[in-house]
């Protein structure tokens, strides 16, 4: 697990909270920003997956 996994998870959670808060208060801008933050977090998690895959030793098969 890399730092990108952790950052991604945090951004996804913060984005979810912001999106819901925007929806509840009727603030469309906040809702959209929250969704964008969730997407950004998912990208960070994907980067973390890629970093992990590059660190794994290759099979000599």
PDB file of N, CA and C in Angstrom:
ATOM      1  N   UNK A   1       0.850  -1.179   0.000  1.00  0.00           N
ATOM      2  CA  UNK A   1       0.000   0.000   0.000  1.00  0.00           C
ATOM      3  C   UNK A   1       0.895   1.241   0.000  1.00  0.00           C
ATOM      4  N   UNK A   2       0.548   2.184  -0.836  1.00  0.00           N
ATOM      5  CA  UNK A   2       1.339   3.409  -0.960  1.00  0.00           C
ATOM      6  C   UNK A   2       0.600   4.588  -0.343  1.00  0.00           C
ATOM      7  N   UNK A   3       1.308   5.706  -0.273  1.00  0.00           N
ATOM      8  CA  UNK A   3       0.690   6.940   0.208  1.00  0.00           C
ATOM      9  C   UNK A   3      -0.488   7.341  -0.674  1.00  0.00           C
ATOM     10  N   UNK A   4      -0.398   7.033  -1.966  1.00  0.00           N
ATOM     11  CA  UNK A   4      -1.469   7.395  -2.892  1.00  0.00           C
ATOM     12  C   UNK A   4      -2.770   6.668  -2.538  1.00  0.00           C
ATOM     13  N   UNK A   5      -2.669   5.434  -2.057  1.00  0.00           N
ATOM     14  CA  UNK A   5      -3.872   4.717  -1.623  1.00  0.00           C
ATOM     15  C   UNK A   5      -4.551   5.459  -0.476  1.00  0.00           C
ATOM     16  N   UNK A   6      -3.738   5.865   0.490  1.00  0.00           N
ATOM     17  CA  UNK A   6      -4.271   6.560   1.669  1.00  0.00           C
ATOM     18  C   UNK A   6      -4.873   7.903   1.267  1.00  0.00           C
ATOM     19  N   UNK A   7      -4.129   8.676   0.482  1.00  0.00           N
ATOM     20  CA  UNK A   7      -4.629   9.980   0.033  1.00  0.00           C
ATOM     21  C   UNK A   7      -5.921   9.819  -0.767  1.00  0.00           C
ATOM     22  N   UNK A   8      -5.956   8.807  -1.617  1.00  0.00           N
ATOM     23  CA  UNK A   8      -7.143   8.566  -2.428  1.00  0.00           C
ATOM     24  C   UNK A   8      -8.359   8.230  -1.590  1.00  0.00           C
ATOM     25  N   UNK A   9      -8.164   7.390  -0.607  1.00  0.00           N
ATOM     26  CA  UNK A   9      -9.271   7.005   0.275  1.00  0.00           C
ATOM     27  C   UNK A   9      -9.793   8.215   1.041  1.00  0.00           C
ATOM     28  N   UNK A  10      -8.876   9.043   1.533  1.00  0.00           N
ATOM     29  CA  UNK A  10      -9.265  10.246   2.276  1.00  0.00           C
ATOM     30  C   UNK A  10     -10.024  11.205   1.358  1.00  0.00           C
ATOM     31  N   UNK A  11      -9.516  11.424   0.146  1.00  0.00           N
ATOM     32  CA  UNK A  11     -10.189  12.335  -0.779  1.00  0.00           C
ATOM     33  C   UNK A  11     -11.570  11.821  -1.168  1.00  0.00           C
ATOM     34  N   UNK A  12     -11.701  10.524  -1.361  1.00  0.00           N
ATOM     35  CA  UNK A  12     -13.016   9.966  -1.690  1.00  0.00           C
ATOM     36  C   UNK A  12     -13.996  10.185  -0.550  1.00  0.00           C
ATOM     37  N   UNK A  13     -13.545   9.968   0.690  1.00  0.00           N
ATOM     38  CA  UNK A  13     -14.422  10.152   1.849  1.00  0.00           C
ATOM     39  C   UNK A  13     -14.803  11.626   2.025  1.00  0.00           C
ATOM     40  N   UNK A  14     -13.818  12.513   1.913  1.00  0.00           N
ATOM     41  CA  UNK A  14     -14.110  13.943   2.040  1.00  0.00           C
ATOM     42  C   UNK A  14     -15.055  14.399   0.932  1.00  0.00           C
ATOM     43  N   UNK A  15     -14.844  13.895  -0.262  1.00  0.00           N
ATOM     44  CA  UNK A  15     -15.696  14.250  -1.381  1.00  0.00           C
ATOM     45  C   UNK A  15     -17.127  13.800  -1.177  1.00  0.00           C
ATOM     46  N   UNK A  16     -17.284  12.607  -0.619  1.00  0.00           N
ATOM     47  CA  UNK A  16     -18.624  12.082  -0.354  1.00  0.00           C
ATOM     48  C   UNK A  16     -19.359  12.984   0.632  1.00  0.00           C
ATOM     49  N   UNK A  17     -18.656  13.372   1.709  1.00  0.00           N
ATOM     50  CA  UNK A  17     -19.260  14.247   2.717  1.00  0.00           C
ATOM     51  C   UNK A  17     -19.638  15.587   2.093  1.00  0.00           C
ATOM     52  N   UNK A  18     -18.720  16.147   1.300  1.00  0.00           N
ATOM     53  CA  UNK A  18     -18.980  17.441   0.670  1.00  0.00           C
ATOM     54  C   UNK A  18     -20.141  17.360  -0.320  1.00  0.00           C
ATOM     55  N   UNK A  19     -20.200  16.282  -1.061  1.00  0.00           N
ATOM     56  CA  UNK A  19     -21.287  16.096  -2.033  1.00  0.00           C
ATOM     57  C   UNK A  19     -22.636  16.025  -1.322  1.00  0.00           C
ATOM     58  N   UNK A  20     -22.710  15.239  -0.261  1.00  0.00           N
ATOM     59  CA  UNK A  20     -23.963  15.097   0.488  1.00  0.00           C
ATOM     60  C   UNK A  20     -24.345  16.423   1.143  1.00  0.00           C
ATOM     61  N   UNK A  21     -23.350  17.125   1.699  1.00  0.00           N
ATOM     62  CA  UNK A  21     -23.636  18.419   2.326  1.00  0.00           C
ATOM     63  C   UNK A  21     -24.184  19.401   1.290  1.00  0.00           C
ATOM     64  N   UNK A  22     -23.600  19.379   0.107  1.00  0.00           N
ATOM     65  CA  UNK A  22     -24.094  20.251  -0.955  1.00  0.00           C
ATOM     66  C   UNK A  22     -25.507  19.921  -1.370  1.00  0.00           C
ATOM     67  N   UNK A  23     -25.785  18.622  -1.416  1.00  0.00           N
ATOM     68  CA  UNK A  23     -27.136  18.183  -1.802  1.00  0.00           C
ATOM     69  C   UNK A  23     -28.151  18.606  -0.739  1.00  0.00           C
ATOM     70  N   UNK A  24     -27.800  18.426   0.528  1.00  0.00           N
ATOM     71  CA  UNK A  24     -28.710  18.757   1.629  1.00  0.00           C
ATOM     72  C   UNK A  24     -28.980  20.260   1.686  1.00  0.00           C
ATOM     73  N   UNK A  25     -27.941  21.058   1.481  1.00  0.00           N
ATOM     74  CA  UNK A  25     -28.099  22.510   1.578  1.00  0.00           C
ATOM     75  C   UNK A  25     -28.549  23.149   0.270  1.00  0.00           C
ATOM     76  N   UNK A  26     -28.597  22.365  -0.792  1.00  0.00           N
ATOM     77  CA  UNK A  26     -29.006  22.903  -2.085  1.00  0.00           C
ATOM     78  C   UNK A  26     -27.894  23.675  -2.790  1.00  0.00           C
ATOM     79  N   UNK A  27     -26.663  23.466  -2.353  1.00  0.00           N
ATOM     80  CA  UNK A  27     -25.514  24.152  -2.941  1.00  0.00           C
ATOM     81  C   UNK A  27     -24.935  23.265  -4.044  1.00  0.00           C
ATOM     82  N   UNK A  28     -25.358  23.526  -5.276  1.00  0.00           N
ATOM     83  CA  UNK A  28     -24.961  22.691  -6.417  1.00  0.00           C
ATOM     84  C   UNK A  28     -23.443  22.726  -6.637  1.00  0.00           C
ATOM     85  N   UNK A  29     -22.818  23.891  -6.417  1.00  0.00           N
ATOM     86  CA  UNK A  29     -21.369  24.008  -6.594  1.00  0.00           C
ATOM     87  C   UNK A  29     -20.605  23.109  -5.638  1.00  0.00           C
ATOM     88  N   UNK A  30     -21.040  23.076  -4.399  1.00  0.00           N
ATOM     89  CA  UNK A  30     -20.398  22.227  -3.399  1.00  0.00           C
ATOM     90  C   UNK A  30     -20.613  20.756  -3.742  1.00  0.00           C
ATOM     91  N   UNK A  31     -21.789  20.439  -4.201  1.00  0.00           N
ATOM     92  CA  UNK A  31     -22.107  19.067  -4.597  1.00  0.00           C
ATOM     93  C   UNK A  31     -21.185  18.610  -5.738  1.00  0.00           C
ATOM     94  N   UNK A  32     -21.012  19.469  -6.728  1.00  0.00           N
ATOM     95  CA  UNK A  32     -20.154  19.135  -7.871  1.00  0.00           C
ATOM     96  C   UNK A  32     -18.694  19.026  -7.433  1.00  0.00           C
ATOM     97  N   UNK A  33     -18.257  19.935  -6.568  1.00  0.00           N
ATOM     98  CA  UNK A  33     -16.882  19.887  -6.073  1.00  0.00           C
ATOM     99  C   UNK A  33     -16.636  18.583  -5.311  1.00  0.00           C
ATOM    100  N   UNK A  34     -17.608  18.169  -4.522  1.00  0.00           N
ATOM    101  CA  UNK A  34     -17.484  16.907  -3.780  1.00  0.00           C
ATOM    102  C   UNK A  34     -17.360  15.720  -4.709  1.00  0.00           C
ATOM    103  N   UNK A  35     -18.157  15.700  -5.764  1.00  0.00           N
ATOM    104  CA  UNK A  35     -18.082  14.605  -6.732  1.00  0.00           C
ATOM    105  C   UNK A  35     -16.722  14.602  -7.428  1.00  0.00           C
ATOM    106  N   UNK A  36     -16.225  15.795  -7.769  1.00  0.00           N
ATOM    107  CA  UNK A  36     -14.909  15.895  -8.410  1.00  0.00           C
ATOM    108  C   UNK A  36     -13.813  15.375  -7.478  1.00  0.00           C
ATOM    109  N   UNK A  37     -13.948  15.668  -6.200  1.00  0.00           N
ATOM    110  CA  UNK A  37     -12.963  15.203  -5.224  1.00  0.00           C
ATOM    111  C   UNK A  37     -12.998  13.671  -5.114  1.00  0.00           C
ATOM    112  N   UNK A  38     -14.192  13.084  -5.224  1.00  0.00           N
ATOM    113  CA  UNK A  38     -14.312  11.630  -5.212  1.00  0.00           C
ATOM    114  C   UNK A  38     -13.598  11.024  -6.426  1.00  0.00           C
ATOM    115  N   UNK A  39     -13.785  11.631  -7.576  1.00  0.00           N
ATOM    116  CA  UNK A  39     -13.144  11.137  -8.802  1.00  0.00           C
ATOM    117  C   UNK A  39     -11.625  11.262  -8.674  1.00  0.00           C
ATOM    118  N   UNK A  40     -11.163  12.375  -8.130  1.00  0.00           N
ATOM    119  CA  UNK A  40      -9.731  12.583  -7.920  1.00  0.00           C
ATOM    120  C   UNK A  40      -9.174  11.498  -6.993  1.00  0.00           C
ATOM    121  N   UNK A  41      -9.906  11.200  -5.934  1.00  0.00           N
ATOM    122  CA  UNK A  41      -9.486  10.160  -4.992  1.00  0.00           C
ATOM    123  C   UNK A  41      -9.402   8.798  -5.646  1.00  0.00           C
ATOM    124  N   UNK A  42     -10.348   8.502  -6.510  1.00  0.00           N
ATOM    125  CA  UNK A  42     -10.321   7.221  -7.219  1.00  0.00           C
ATOM    126  C   UNK A  42      -9.088   7.141  -8.124  1.00  0.00           C
ATOM    127  N   UNK A  43      -8.735   8.258  -8.732  1.00  0.00           N
ATOM    128  CA  UNK A  43      -7.528   8.304  -9.560  1.00  0.00           C
ATOM    129  C   UNK A  43      -6.271   8.084  -8.736  1.00  0.00           C
ATOM    130  N   UNK A  44      -6.232   8.668  -7.559  1.00  0.00           N
ATOM    131  CA  UNK A  44      -5.086   8.464  -6.678  1.00  0.00           C
ATOM    132  C   UNK A  44      -4.968   6.999  -6.266  1.00  0.00           C
ATOM    133  N   UNK A  45      -6.095   6.370  -5.977  1.00  0.00           N
ATOM    134  CA  UNK A  45      -6.051   4.958  -5.627  1.00  0.00           C
ATOM    135  C   UNK A  45      -5.535   4.126  -6.802  1.00  0.00           C
ATOM    136  N   UNK A  46      -5.952   4.483  -8.013  1.00  0.00           N
ATOM    137  CA  UNK A  46      -5.464   3.792  -9.204  1.00  0.00           C
ATOM    138  C   UNK A  46      -3.965   3.960  -9.373  1.00  0.00           C
ATOM    139  N   UNK A  47      -3.460   5.166  -9.093  1.00  0.00           N
ATOM    140  CA  UNK A  47      -2.028   5.402  -9.154  1.00  0.00           C
ATOM    141  C   UNK A  47      -1.308   4.538  -8.120  1.00  0.00           C
ATOM    142  N   UNK A  48      -1.887   4.429  -6.946  1.00  0.00           N
ATOM    143  CA  UNK A  48      -1.312   3.570  -5.912  1.00  0.00           C
ATOM    144  C   UNK A  48      -1.259   2.119  -6.352  1.00  0.00           C
ATOM    145  N   UNK A  49      -2.308   1.660  -7.021  1.00  0.00           N
ATOM    146  CA  UNK A  49      -2.322   0.293  -7.545  1.00  0.00           C
ATOM    147  C   UNK A  49      -1.203   0.085  -8.557  1.00  0.00           C
ATOM    148  N   UNK A  50      -1.016   1.078  -9.423  1.00  0.00           N
ATOM    149  CA  UNK A  50       0.040   1.004 -10.428  1.00  0.00           C
ATOM    150  C   UNK A  50       1.414   0.972  -9.764  1.00  0.00           C
ATOM    151  N   UNK A  51       1.614   1.811  -8.765  1.00  0.00           N
ATOM    152  CA  UNK A  51       2.890   1.823  -8.047  1.00  0.00           C
ATOM    153  C   UNK A  51       3.153   0.475  -7.386  1.00  0.00           C
ATOM    154  N   UNK A  52       2.130  -0.116  -6.782  1.00  0.00           N
ATOM    155  CA  UNK A  52       2.276  -1.434  -6.170  1.00  0.00           C
ATOM    156  C   UNK A  52       2.642  -2.486  -7.213  1.00  0.00           C
ATOM    157  N   UNK A  53       1.988  -2.431  -8.357  1.00  0.00           N
ATOM    158  CA  UNK A  53       2.256  -3.412  -9.406  1.00  0.00           C
ATOM    159  C   UNK A  53       3.688  -3.298  -9.911  1.00  0.00           C
ATOM    160  N   UNK A  54       4.209  -2.093  -9.980  1.00  0.00           N
ATOM    161  CA  UNK A  54       5.581  -1.911 -10.454  1.00  0.00           C
ATOM    162  C   UNK A  54       6.612  -2.354  -9.435  1.00  0.00           C
ATOM    163  N   UNK A  55       6.248  -2.375  -8.161  1.00  0.00           N
ATOM    164  CA  UNK A  55       7.169  -2.796  -7.094  1.00  0.00           C
ATOM    165  C   UNK A  55       7.247  -4.318  -6.977  1.00  0.00           C
ATOM    166  N   UNK A  56       6.199  -5.020  -7.399  1.00  0.00           N
ATOM    167  CA  UNK A  56       6.159  -6.474  -7.231  1.00  0.00           C
ATOM    168  C   UNK A  56       7.230  -7.138  -8.080  1.00  0.00           C
ATOM    169  N   UNK A  57       7.920  -8.135  -7.493  1.00  0.00           N
ATOM    170  CA  UNK A  57       8.943  -8.834  -8.285  1.00  0.00           C
ATOM    171  C   UNK A  57       8.311  -9.632  -9.420  1.00  0.00           C
ATOM    172  N   UNK A  58       8.990  -9.675 -10.522  1.00  0.00           N
ATOM    173  CA  UNK A  58       8.504 -10.413 -11.691  1.00  0.00           C
ATOM    174  C   UNK A  58       8.830 -11.898 -11.516  1.00  0.00           C
ATOM    175  N   UNK A  59       7.923 -12.762 -11.956  1.00  0.00           N
ATOM    176  CA  UNK A  59       8.177 -14.195 -11.964  1.00  0.00           C
ATOM    177  C   UNK A  59       9.163 -14.529 -13.068  1.00  0.00           C
ATOM    178  N   UNK A  60      10.083 -15.415 -12.772  1.00  0.00           N
ATOM    179  CA  UNK A  60      11.057 -15.835 -13.779  1.00  0.00           C
ATOM    180  C   UNK A  60      10.596 -17.159 -14.349  1.00  0.00           C
ATOM    181  N   UNK A  61       9.545 -17.104 -15.140  1.00  0.00           N
ATOM    182  CA  UNK A  61       8.919 -18.269 -15.501  1.00  0.00           C
ATOM    183  C   UNK A  61       9.013 -19.015 -16.661  1.00  0.00           C
TER     184      UNK A  61
END
